[in-house]
Amino acid sequence: MGDVNLRLDYFSPTGFIGFWILFIGIFFTFIMFYFVFFRLTENDYSYKDKERKKDEKERQKQRIARLYPKEN
């Protein structure tokens, strides 16, 4: 076939390209860890969800007021 010289030592963790591949992999791993375990547990509601909850509380107050009317 011939003498194939692929120079795979560049991709080893001690090589130049291998170091950067390893560094970028660790960086993205920490980013995914952050988004999966920290950001998803926050109570960050959307604007529509906040409005829906506010409207639901107002309707609940109106229903309670109809059940227990104030007599003057």
N, C-alpha and C. Protein backbone atom coordinates (compact mmCIF):
# COMPACT_ATOMS: atom_id res chain seq x y z
N MET A 1 0.82 -1.19 0.00
CA MET A 1 0.00 0.00 0.00
C MET A 1 0.86 1.25 0.00
N GLY A 2 1.71 1.32 0.88
CA GLY A 2 2.57 2.49 0.96
C GLY A 2 2.77 2.88 2.41
N ASP A 3 3.63 3.81 2.58
CA ASP A 3 3.93 4.29 3.93
C ASP A 3 2.94 5.39 4.29
N VAL A 4 2.04 5.08 5.23
CA VAL A 4 1.02 6.04 5.64
C VAL A 4 1.48 6.68 6.94
N ASN A 5 1.62 7.97 6.92
CA ASN A 5 2.06 8.72 8.08
C ASN A 5 0.97 9.72 8.43
N LEU A 6 0.09 9.35 9.35
CA LEU A 6 -1.05 10.20 9.68
C LEU A 6 -0.76 11.22 10.78
N ARG A 7 0.31 11.04 11.50
CA ARG A 7 0.70 11.95 12.59
C ARG A 7 -0.44 12.11 13.61
N LEU A 8 -0.89 10.97 14.17
CA LEU A 8 -1.97 10.99 15.14
C LEU A 8 -1.53 11.49 16.50
N ASP A 9 -0.26 11.73 16.69
CA ASP A 9 0.19 12.24 17.98
C ASP A 9 -0.29 13.68 18.23
N TYR A 10 -0.73 14.38 17.20
CA TYR A 10 -1.31 15.71 17.39
C TYR A 10 -2.62 15.65 18.18
N PHE A 11 -3.33 14.51 18.06
CA PHE A 11 -4.61 14.36 18.71
C PHE A 11 -4.52 13.76 20.11
N SER A 12 -3.35 13.43 20.57
CA SER A 12 -3.21 12.91 21.92
C SER A 12 -3.42 14.07 22.91
N PRO A 13 -3.78 13.78 24.16
CA PRO A 13 -4.02 14.85 25.13
C PRO A 13 -2.80 15.74 25.38
N THR A 14 -1.60 15.26 25.06
CA THR A 14 -0.42 16.10 25.23
C THR A 14 -0.08 16.86 23.96
N GLY A 15 -0.76 16.55 22.87
CA GLY A 15 -0.53 17.27 21.62
C GLY A 15 -1.31 18.57 21.58
N PHE A 16 -0.99 19.39 20.59
CA PHE A 16 -1.61 20.71 20.50
C PHE A 16 -3.11 20.61 20.23
N ILE A 17 -3.51 19.90 19.22
CA ILE A 17 -4.93 19.78 18.87
C ILE A 17 -5.68 18.96 19.92
N GLY A 18 -5.06 17.94 20.44
CA GLY A 18 -5.70 17.11 21.46
C GLY A 18 -6.00 17.89 22.72
N PHE A 19 -5.10 18.80 23.09
CA PHE A 19 -5.32 19.63 24.27
C PHE A 19 -6.55 20.51 24.07
N TRP A 20 -6.66 21.12 22.90
CA TRP A 20 -7.80 22.01 22.66
C TRP A 20 -9.10 21.24 22.54
N ILE A 21 -9.06 20.05 21.96
CA ILE A 21 -10.26 19.22 21.91
C ILE A 21 -10.70 18.85 23.32
N LEU A 22 -9.75 18.47 24.15
CA LEU A 22 -10.06 18.12 25.54
C LEU A 22 -10.58 19.33 26.31
N PHE A 23 -9.97 20.48 26.13
CA PHE A 23 -10.39 21.71 26.81
C PHE A 23 -11.81 22.12 26.39
N ILE A 24 -12.09 22.11 25.10
CA ILE A 24 -13.42 22.48 24.60
C ILE A 24 -14.46 21.46 25.08
N GLY A 25 -14.12 20.18 25.12
CA GLY A 25 -15.04 19.17 25.61
C GLY A 25 -15.39 19.37 27.08
N ILE A 26 -14.41 19.67 27.89
CA ILE A 26 -14.67 19.92 29.31
C ILE A 26 -15.50 21.19 29.48
N PHE A 27 -15.21 22.21 28.69
CA PHE A 27 -15.97 23.47 28.74
C PHE A 27 -17.44 23.23 28.42
N PHE A 28 -17.73 22.54 27.34
CA PHE A 28 -19.11 22.27 26.98
C PHE A 28 -19.80 21.33 27.96
N THR A 29 -19.05 20.43 28.56
CA THR A 29 -19.63 19.56 29.58
C THR A 29 -20.10 20.38 30.77
N PHE A 30 -19.31 21.35 31.22
CA PHE A 30 -19.72 22.19 32.34
C PHE A 30 -20.89 23.08 31.95
N ILE A 31 -20.94 23.54 30.71
CA ILE A 31 -22.08 24.35 30.28
C ILE A 31 -23.35 23.52 30.31
N MET A 32 -23.31 22.30 29.82
CA MET A 32 -24.49 21.44 29.83
C MET A 32 -24.89 21.08 31.27
N PHE A 33 -23.92 20.84 32.13
CA PHE A 33 -24.20 20.57 33.54
C PHE A 33 -24.93 21.75 34.17
N TYR A 34 -24.48 22.97 33.85
CA TYR A 34 -25.11 24.17 34.38
C TYR A 34 -26.56 24.27 33.92
N PHE A 35 -26.81 24.10 32.63
CA PHE A 35 -28.16 24.25 32.12
C PHE A 35 -29.08 23.13 32.59
N VAL A 36 -28.59 21.93 32.73
CA VAL A 36 -29.45 20.81 33.13
C VAL A 36 -29.77 20.86 34.61
N PHE A 37 -28.78 21.09 35.45
CA PHE A 37 -29.01 20.96 36.89
C PHE A 37 -29.29 22.27 37.61
N PHE A 38 -28.90 23.41 37.07
CA PHE A 38 -29.13 24.66 37.78
C PHE A 38 -30.20 25.52 37.14
N ARG A 39 -30.16 25.71 35.85
CA ARG A 39 -31.12 26.58 35.19
C ARG A 39 -32.51 25.97 35.15
N LEU A 40 -32.63 24.67 35.03
CA LEU A 40 -33.95 24.06 34.93
C LEU A 40 -34.67 24.02 36.27
N THR A 41 -33.95 24.20 37.37
CA THR A 41 -34.59 24.18 38.67
C THR A 41 -35.03 25.56 39.12
N GLU A 42 -34.71 26.60 38.36
CA GLU A 42 -35.13 27.95 38.71
C GLU A 42 -36.60 28.13 38.36
N ASN A 43 -37.27 28.97 39.10
CA ASN A 43 -38.66 29.29 38.81
C ASN A 43 -38.71 30.54 37.94
N ASP A 44 -38.32 30.38 36.72
CA ASP A 44 -38.28 31.50 35.78
C ASP A 44 -39.48 31.37 34.85
N TYR A 45 -40.60 31.97 35.26
CA TYR A 45 -41.82 31.84 34.49
C TYR A 45 -41.85 32.86 33.36
N SER A 46 -42.54 32.51 32.31
CA SER A 46 -42.67 33.42 31.18
C SER A 46 -43.71 34.49 31.51
N TYR A 47 -43.77 35.49 30.67
CA TYR A 47 -44.72 36.59 30.87
C TYR A 47 -46.15 36.07 30.81
N LYS A 48 -46.43 35.20 29.84
CA LYS A 48 -47.78 34.67 29.70
C LYS A 48 -48.17 33.81 30.90
N ASP A 49 -47.23 33.07 31.45
CA ASP A 49 -47.52 32.24 32.62
C ASP A 49 -47.80 33.12 33.84
N LYS A 50 -47.06 34.20 34.00
CA LYS A 50 -47.31 35.12 35.11
C LYS A 50 -48.69 35.76 34.97
N GLU A 51 -49.04 36.17 33.75
CA GLU A 51 -50.35 36.77 33.52
C GLU A 51 -51.47 35.77 33.77
N ARG A 52 -51.28 34.52 33.35
CA ARG A 52 -52.27 33.49 33.57
C ARG A 52 -52.49 33.25 35.06
N LYS A 53 -51.42 33.20 35.82
CA LYS A 53 -51.54 32.99 37.26
C LYS A 53 -52.22 34.18 37.95
N LYS A 54 -51.89 35.38 37.49
CA LYS A 54 -52.51 36.57 38.07
C LYS A 54 -54.01 36.59 37.78
N ASP A 55 -54.39 36.25 36.55
CA ASP A 55 -55.80 36.19 36.20
C ASP A 55 -56.52 35.10 36.98
N GLU A 56 -55.88 33.98 37.19
CA GLU A 56 -56.48 32.88 37.95
C GLU A 56 -56.72 33.30 39.40
N LYS A 57 -55.80 34.04 39.98
CA LYS A 57 -56.00 34.51 41.37
C LYS A 57 -57.15 35.50 41.44
N GLU A 58 -57.26 36.37 40.42
CA GLU A 58 -58.38 37.32 40.39
C GLU A 58 -59.71 36.60 40.27
N ARG A 59 -59.79 35.59 39.41
CA ARG A 59 -61.02 34.81 39.29
C ARG A 59 -61.34 34.08 40.58
N GLN A 60 -60.31 33.58 41.26
CA GLN A 60 -60.53 32.90 42.53
C GLN A 60 -61.08 33.87 43.57
N LYS A 61 -60.54 35.09 43.61
CA LYS A 61 -61.05 36.10 44.55
C LYS A 61 -62.50 36.44 44.25
N GLN A 62 -62.86 36.54 42.96
CA GLN A 62 -64.24 36.84 42.60
C GLN A 62 -65.17 35.70 43.00
N ARG A 63 -64.77 34.47 42.81
CA ARG A 63 -65.60 33.34 43.20
C ARG A 63 -65.79 33.28 44.71
N ILE A 64 -64.74 33.57 45.46
CA ILE A 64 -64.85 33.58 46.92
C ILE A 64 -65.77 34.72 47.37
N ALA A 65 -65.65 35.87 46.69
CA ALA A 65 -66.51 37.00 47.04
C ALA A 65 -67.97 36.69 46.76
N ARG A 66 -68.27 35.92 45.72
CA ARG A 66 -69.66 35.54 45.44
C ARG A 66 -70.18 34.56 46.48
N LEU A 67 -69.32 33.71 46.99
CA LEU A 67 -69.76 32.75 48.01
C LEU A 67 -70.01 33.40 49.35
N TYR A 68 -69.20 34.39 49.68
CA TYR A 68 -69.31 35.07 50.97
C TYR A 68 -69.48 36.57 50.73
N PRO A 69 -70.66 37.02 50.38
CA PRO A 69 -70.86 38.45 50.11
C PRO A 69 -70.81 39.26 51.41
N LYS A 70 -70.32 40.47 51.27
CA LYS A 70 -70.28 41.39 52.41
C LYS A 70 -71.61 42.14 52.47
N GLU A 71 -72.22 42.12 53.60
CA GLU A 71 -73.48 42.83 53.77
C GLU A 71 -73.19 44.15 54.48
N ASN A 72 -73.71 45.22 53.89
CA ASN A 72 -73.50 46.56 54.46
C ASN A 72 -74.56 46.89 55.45
